[in-house]
């Protein structure tokens, strides 16, 4: 089995093993809390139904009203500010789910918009990431020159460290900002920033969804959009380095495998050619005892790099071959 096939199979096995481990850990951490929360909510529901004598139909209607009213706390979701925020979330593939189109035309346009916008966004983030990596390499090179290091070139590890540090700064700074404006704890804000910039987008924490923020806080809206776009560009730069590193390793391994396969295939042929070259240094009648019509000597074409040196021939052979 080729090394590439072994690597692919190993990656599949490792990924599924990682999924199983993650499922086991989440089960251990969240299962008991989920059961307790469900018991508390069920007790509260039964208490409200008994206290106010609410029918199951009325209670279901109250649930619908509360759920549908939640997005409207941020103000109109489909005015220009809210629509621009939604379009950014779609293009960045975050998908919070805080607001979704409900009309047939809106759903159809969302699919068509995503088909064009997502590739465009990926190319844009990738291009910005490459420019950031270029800028980081220039800064690292100049810093090494200033520090008089032996090597002044920016290595892949240097770039990965620089983009990783920049990503950490953006996430920690964004967490502090959102913690202040949204009233979340710093850990919850950090969690929101990480989920957003990795495009996971669970939707359990969404900025700009309180106190009519979409219409009353334009500066905060602009800050949130800049955080998403610039943060995704920096994360794309880090991912770009990782992908390039993996592709480089894969290309090197493929080249080594092809070189080994080619050497195994060419060894018998090279040995045969060496034997033929020894017999074809001179193809006149003194060696092969063959002549063409009119006494012309038969000379087989010999490649220069296969010619034997005169020192490797016997004196008798040299004398006869030089006729």
Protein backbone atom coordinates (compact mmCIF):
# COMPACT_ATOMS: atom_id res chain seq x y z
CA UNK A 1 0.00 0.00 0.00
CA UNK A 2 1.34 3.42 -0.94
CA UNK A 3 2.28 5.91 1.73
CA UNK A 4 -0.39 8.36 0.53
CA UNK A 5 -3.12 5.77 1.03
CA UNK A 6 -1.79 4.92 4.48
CA UNK A 7 -1.75 8.61 5.42
CA UNK A 8 -5.31 9.14 4.19
CA UNK A 9 -6.59 6.09 6.05
CA UNK A 10 -4.75 7.21 9.18
CA UNK A 11 -6.34 10.66 8.96
CA UNK A 12 -9.82 9.13 8.62
CA UNK A 13 -9.25 6.86 11.60
CA UNK A 14 -7.82 9.70 13.71
CA UNK A 15 -10.72 12.00 12.81
CA UNK A 16 -13.38 9.46 13.77
CA UNK A 17 -11.49 8.61 16.93
CA UNK A 18 -11.36 12.32 17.77
CA UNK A 19 -15.13 12.54 17.17
CA UNK A 20 -15.77 9.63 19.50
CA UNK A 21 -13.58 11.15 22.19
CA UNK A 22 -15.35 14.51 21.82
CA UNK A 23 -18.78 12.89 22.04
CA UNK A 24 -17.78 11.05 25.21
CA UNK A 25 -16.39 14.20 26.84
CA UNK A 26 -19.44 16.34 25.94
CA UNK A 27 -21.73 13.58 27.19
CA UNK A 28 -19.92 13.53 30.52
CA UNK A 29 -19.90 17.33 30.85
CA UNK A 30 -23.34 18.32 29.57
CA UNK A 31 -25.70 15.38 29.98
CA UNK A 32 -26.44 15.75 33.70
CA UNK A 33 -26.84 19.52 33.44
CA UNK A 34 -29.24 19.10 30.54
CA UNK A 35 -31.40 16.68 32.55
CA UNK A 36 -31.50 19.02 35.54
CA UNK A 37 -32.40 22.03 33.38
CA UNK A 38 -35.17 20.06 31.71
CA UNK A 39 -36.60 19.04 35.11
CA UNK A 40 -36.54 22.66 36.31
CA UNK A 41 -38.23 23.94 33.14
CA UNK A 42 -40.87 21.21 33.32
CA UNK A 43 -41.66 22.08 36.96
CA UNK A 44 -41.92 25.78 36.06
CA UNK A 45 -44.22 24.99 33.14
CA UNK A 46 -46.51 22.83 35.23
CA UNK A 47 -46.59 25.48 37.96
CA UNK A 48 -47.63 28.19 35.48
CA UNK A 49 -50.28 25.97 33.93
CA UNK A 50 -51.80 25.17 37.33
CA UNK A 51 -51.53 28.74 38.65
CA UNK A 52 -53.16 30.47 35.68
CA UNK A 53 -55.23 27.53 34.44
CA UNK A 54 -53.62 27.68 30.96
CA UNK A 55 -54.68 25.16 28.38
CA UNK A 56 -52.02 23.27 26.40
CA UNK A 57 -53.03 25.14 23.24
CA UNK A 58 -52.68 28.53 24.93
CA UNK A 59 -49.33 27.56 26.40
CA UNK A 60 -48.07 26.48 22.98
CA UNK A 61 -49.16 29.82 21.56
CA UNK A 62 -47.32 31.66 24.31
CA UNK A 63 -44.16 29.71 23.46
CA UNK A 64 -44.46 30.70 19.80
CA UNK A 65 -44.97 34.36 20.66
CA UNK A 66 -41.94 34.42 22.98
CA UNK A 67 -39.67 32.64 20.50
CA UNK A 68 -40.76 34.78 17.56
CA UNK A 69 -40.43 37.98 19.57
CA UNK A 70 -36.83 37.32 20.64
CA UNK A 71 -35.11 38.64 17.47
CA UNK A 72 -37.16 41.85 17.57
CA UNK A 73 -35.51 42.97 20.80
CA UNK A 74 -32.60 44.20 18.67
CA UNK A 75 -34.88 46.30 16.52
CA UNK A 76 -35.94 45.73 12.92
CA UNK A 77 -33.84 42.84 11.63
CA UNK A 78 -34.47 43.51 7.94
CA UNK A 79 -33.82 47.22 7.69
CA UNK A 80 -30.52 48.10 6.03
CA UNK A 81 -28.33 47.77 9.14
CA UNK A 82 -29.82 44.43 10.17
CA UNK A 83 -29.84 43.17 6.58
CA UNK A 84 -26.18 44.13 6.14
CA UNK A 85 -25.31 42.27 9.34
CA UNK A 86 -27.22 39.22 8.08
CA UNK A 87 -25.47 39.38 4.68
CA UNK A 88 -22.08 39.52 6.44
CA UNK A 89 -22.96 36.47 8.52
CA UNK A 90 -24.01 34.59 5.37
CA UNK A 91 -20.90 35.53 3.38
CA UNK A 92 -18.62 34.61 6.30
CA UNK A 93 -20.44 31.25 6.74
CA UNK A 94 -21.01 31.94 10.44
CA UNK A 95 -24.76 31.30 10.39
CA UNK A 96 -25.87 32.38 13.86
CA UNK A 97 -29.51 31.66 13.10
CA UNK A 98 -30.65 34.72 15.05
CA UNK A 99 -32.73 35.89 12.09
CA UNK A 100 -33.74 33.96 8.99
CA UNK A 101 -35.76 34.84 5.89
CA UNK A 102 -39.38 33.71 6.05
CA UNK A 103 -40.67 34.63 2.60
CA UNK A 104 -40.20 32.40 -0.44
CA UNK A 105 -38.42 35.18 -2.29
CA UNK A 106 -36.13 35.82 0.65
CA UNK A 107 -35.18 32.13 0.96
CA UNK A 108 -34.55 31.81 -2.79
CA UNK A 109 -32.43 34.95 -2.88
CA UNK A 110 -30.50 33.77 0.21
CA UNK A 111 -29.49 30.55 -1.56
CA UNK A 112 -28.48 32.35 -4.76
CA UNK A 113 -26.67 35.06 -2.77
CA UNK A 114 -24.75 32.44 -0.78
CA UNK A 115 -23.70 30.52 -3.90
CA UNK A 116 -21.93 33.61 -5.23
CA UNK A 117 -20.99 35.32 -1.99
CA UNK A 118 -19.36 32.41 -0.15
CA UNK A 119 -16.71 31.69 -2.83
CA UNK A 120 -16.13 35.42 -3.20
CA UNK A 121 -15.66 35.78 0.54
CA UNK A 122 -13.30 32.81 0.72
CA UNK A 123 -11.12 34.24 -2.04
CA UNK A 124 -11.13 37.68 -0.40
CA UNK A 125 -10.20 36.34 3.04
CA UNK A 126 -7.52 34.14 1.48
CA UNK A 127 -6.05 37.09 -0.43
CA UNK A 128 -6.06 39.31 2.65
CA UNK A 129 -4.45 36.50 4.63
CA UNK A 130 -1.66 36.21 2.07
CA UNK A 131 -1.03 39.96 2.22
CA UNK A 132 -0.93 39.81 6.01
CA UNK A 133 1.58 36.97 5.83
CA UNK A 134 3.69 39.01 3.41
CA UNK A 135 3.59 42.02 5.71
CA UNK A 136 4.48 39.84 8.70
CA UNK A 137 7.43 38.34 6.80
CA UNK A 138 8.78 41.84 6.03
CA UNK A 139 8.44 42.89 9.67
CA UNK A 140 10.11 39.70 10.90
CA UNK A 141 12.96 40.09 8.40
CA UNK A 142 13.63 43.66 9.46
CA UNK A 143 13.44 42.73 13.13
CA UNK A 144 15.99 39.97 12.59
CA UNK A 145 18.26 42.38 10.73
CA UNK A 146 17.96 44.88 13.58
CA UNK A 147 18.77 42.17 16.13
CA UNK A 148 21.64 40.95 13.90
CA UNK A 149 20.47 37.38 13.77
CA UNK A 150 22.40 34.84 11.75
CA UNK A 151 19.44 34.11 9.45
CA UNK A 152 17.20 36.99 8.45
CA UNK A 153 14.63 35.05 6.45
CA UNK A 154 11.15 34.64 7.93
CA UNK A 155 10.47 30.95 8.41
CA UNK A 156 7.08 29.29 8.44
CA UNK A 157 7.27 28.90 12.20
CA UNK A 158 7.94 32.63 12.57
CA UNK A 159 4.90 33.47 10.45
CA UNK A 160 2.69 30.98 12.26
CA UNK A 161 3.77 32.42 15.60
CA UNK A 162 3.12 36.00 14.41
CA UNK A 163 -0.36 35.29 13.00
CA UNK A 164 -1.21 33.19 16.06
CA UNK A 165 -0.27 36.04 18.36
CA UNK A 166 -2.29 38.50 16.27
CA UNK A 167 -5.32 36.19 16.36
CA UNK A 168 -5.01 35.89 20.14
CA UNK A 169 -4.82 39.68 20.51
CA UNK A 170 -7.93 40.17 18.36
CA UNK A 171 -9.94 37.57 20.27
CA UNK A 172 -8.93 38.81 23.72
CA UNK A 173 -9.54 42.46 22.79
CA UNK A 174 -12.88 41.64 21.17
CA UNK A 175 -13.90 39.69 24.25
CA UNK A 176 -13.26 42.73 26.43
CA UNK A 177 -15.31 44.97 24.12
CA UNK A 178 -18.28 42.61 23.84
CA UNK A 179 -18.21 41.94 27.56
CA UNK A 180 -18.71 45.64 28.18
CA UNK A 181 -21.39 46.30 25.57
CA UNK A 182 -23.36 43.07 25.87
CA UNK A 183 -23.12 42.55 29.63
CA UNK A 184 -21.62 39.07 29.25
CA UNK A 185 -18.90 37.64 31.42
CA UNK A 186 -15.41 37.80 29.94
CA UNK A 187 -15.32 34.03 29.46
CA UNK A 188 -18.65 34.06 27.61
CA UNK A 189 -17.42 36.93 25.44
CA UNK A 190 -14.20 35.05 24.69
CA UNK A 191 -16.30 32.02 23.81
CA UNK A 192 -18.44 34.14 21.46
CA UNK A 193 -15.37 35.59 19.72
CA UNK A 194 -13.81 32.17 19.25
CA UNK A 195 -17.03 30.62 17.91
CA UNK A 196 -17.49 33.57 15.56
CA UNK A 197 -13.99 33.73 14.08
CA UNK A 198 -13.84 29.97 13.60
CA UNK A 199 -17.19 30.25 11.73
CA UNK A 200 -18.83 27.71 14.04
CA UNK A 201 -21.63 30.15 14.81
CA UNK A 202 -23.82 28.27 17.28
CA UNK A 203 -26.05 31.28 17.83
CA UNK A 204 -26.32 30.91 21.61
CA UNK A 205 -24.47 34.21 21.90
CA UNK A 206 -25.10 36.85 19.24
CA UNK A 207 -24.03 40.47 19.43
CA UNK A 208 -26.32 43.41 18.56
CA UNK A 209 -29.45 41.67 19.82
CA UNK A 210 -30.36 43.85 22.81
CA UNK A 211 -31.61 47.38 23.45
CA UNK A 212 -32.42 48.19 19.80
CA UNK A 213 -28.67 48.07 19.10
CA UNK A 214 -29.05 47.78 15.32
CA UNK A 215 -30.71 51.19 15.10
CA UNK A 216 -29.52 53.07 18.18
CA UNK A 217 -25.81 52.16 18.21
CA UNK A 218 -24.36 52.57 14.72
CA UNK A 219 -20.80 52.80 16.03
CA UNK A 220 -21.15 49.51 17.85
CA UNK A 221 -22.62 47.92 14.70
CA UNK A 222 -19.64 49.12 12.66
CA UNK A 223 -17.22 47.83 15.31
CA UNK A 224 -18.87 44.41 15.29
CA UNK A 225 -18.66 44.17 11.50
CA UNK A 226 -15.00 45.23 11.46
CA UNK A 227 -14.25 42.67 14.15
CA UNK A 228 -15.86 39.88 12.11
CA UNK A 229 -14.25 40.78 8.78
CA UNK A 230 -10.76 41.62 10.03
CA UNK A 231 -10.74 38.76 12.51
CA UNK A 232 -11.71 36.26 9.82
CA UNK A 233 -8.93 37.61 7.58
CA UNK A 234 -6.33 37.05 10.32
CA UNK A 235 -7.65 33.58 11.08
CA UNK A 236 -7.56 32.87 7.34
CA UNK A 237 -3.89 33.88 7.33
CA UNK A 238 -3.15 31.36 10.08
CA UNK A 239 -5.13 28.62 8.36
CA UNK A 240 -3.42 29.48 5.06
CA UNK A 241 -0.01 28.82 6.63
CA UNK A 242 -1.16 25.51 8.08
CA UNK A 243 -2.64 24.40 4.75
CA UNK A 244 0.49 25.44 2.85
CA UNK A 245 2.67 23.57 5.33
CA UNK A 246 0.57 20.42 4.94
CA UNK A 247 0.59 20.72 1.15
CA UNK A 248 4.37 21.19 1.15
CA UNK A 249 4.87 18.10 3.29
CA UNK A 250 2.52 16.12 1.07
CA UNK A 251 4.29 17.26 -2.12
CA UNK A 252 7.69 16.36 -0.66
CA UNK A 253 6.47 12.91 0.32
CA UNK A 254 4.93 12.38 -3.12
CA UNK A 255 8.18 13.41 -4.79
CA UNK A 256 10.18 11.02 -2.62
CA UNK A 257 7.76 8.18 -3.35
CA UNK A 258 7.89 8.83 -7.09
CA UNK A 259 11.69 8.98 -6.98
CA UNK A 260 11.84 5.66 -5.15
CA UNK A 261 9.35 4.04 -7.55
CA UNK A 262 11.28 5.40 -10.55
CA UNK A 263 14.59 4.14 -9.22
CA UNK A 264 13.16 0.66 -8.73
CA UNK A 265 11.81 0.65 -12.28
CA UNK A 266 14.99 1.99 -13.89
CA UNK A 267 17.56 -0.17 -12.11
CA UNK A 268 17.27 -3.19 -14.45
CA UNK A 269 17.18 -0.90 -17.49
CA UNK A 270 20.28 0.98 -16.34
CA UNK A 271 22.18 -2.24 -15.81
CA UNK A 272 21.21 -3.43 -19.27
CA UNK A 273 22.22 -0.13 -20.84
CA UNK A 274 25.61 -0.24 -19.11
CA UNK A 275 26.18 -3.66 -20.63
CA UNK A 276 25.14 -2.46 -24.07
CA UNK A 277 27.36 0.59 -23.82
CA UNK A 278 30.37 -1.52 -23.01
CA UNK A 279 29.77 -3.55 -26.15
CA UNK A 280 29.10 -0.50 -28.34
CA UNK A 281 32.11 1.69 -27.62
CA UNK A 282 33.32 0.64 -31.02
CA UNK A 283 31.05 -1.28 -33.36
CA UNK A 284 33.55 -1.81 -36.15
CA UNK A 285 34.66 -5.22 -37.36
CA UNK A 286 37.36 -5.42 -34.68
CA UNK A 287 34.66 -5.85 -32.01
CA UNK A 288 31.49 -6.93 -33.69
CA UNK A 289 33.11 -8.24 -36.93
CA UNK A 290 30.30 -6.62 -38.93
CA UNK A 291 30.47 -4.31 -41.93
CA UNK A 292 27.82 -2.68 -43.95
CA UNK A 293 27.90 -2.51 -47.70
CA UNK A 294 30.87 -0.61 -49.15
CA UNK A 295 33.00 -1.25 -46.05
CA UNK A 296 31.22 1.36 -43.90
CA UNK A 297 31.43 0.71 -40.23
CA UNK A 298 28.26 0.05 -38.24
CA UNK A 299 28.25 2.48 -35.36
CA UNK A 300 25.40 2.29 -32.84
CA UNK A 301 24.47 5.67 -31.33
CA UNK A 302 26.00 6.08 -27.93
CA UNK A 303 24.93 8.68 -25.38
CA UNK A 304 27.78 10.79 -24.04
CA UNK A 305 27.04 10.13 -20.37
CA UNK A 306 27.18 6.36 -21.01
CA UNK A 307 30.65 6.34 -22.69
CA UNK A 308 33.32 4.47 -20.83
CA UNK A 309 36.55 6.27 -20.07
CA UNK A 310 39.72 5.19 -21.87
CA UNK A 311 41.28 4.28 -18.55
CA UNK A 312 38.63 1.59 -18.03
CA UNK A 313 39.48 -0.19 -21.30
CA UNK A 314 42.29 -2.69 -21.84
CA UNK A 315 45.27 -1.51 -23.93
CA UNK A 316 44.52 -4.11 -26.61
CA UNK A 317 40.90 -2.93 -26.88
CA UNK A 318 41.98 0.72 -27.08
CA UNK A 319 44.42 -0.06 -29.87
CA UNK A 320 41.87 -1.97 -31.92
CA UNK A 321 39.05 0.52 -31.24
CA UNK A 322 41.13 3.47 -32.46
CA UNK A 323 41.51 2.12 -36.00
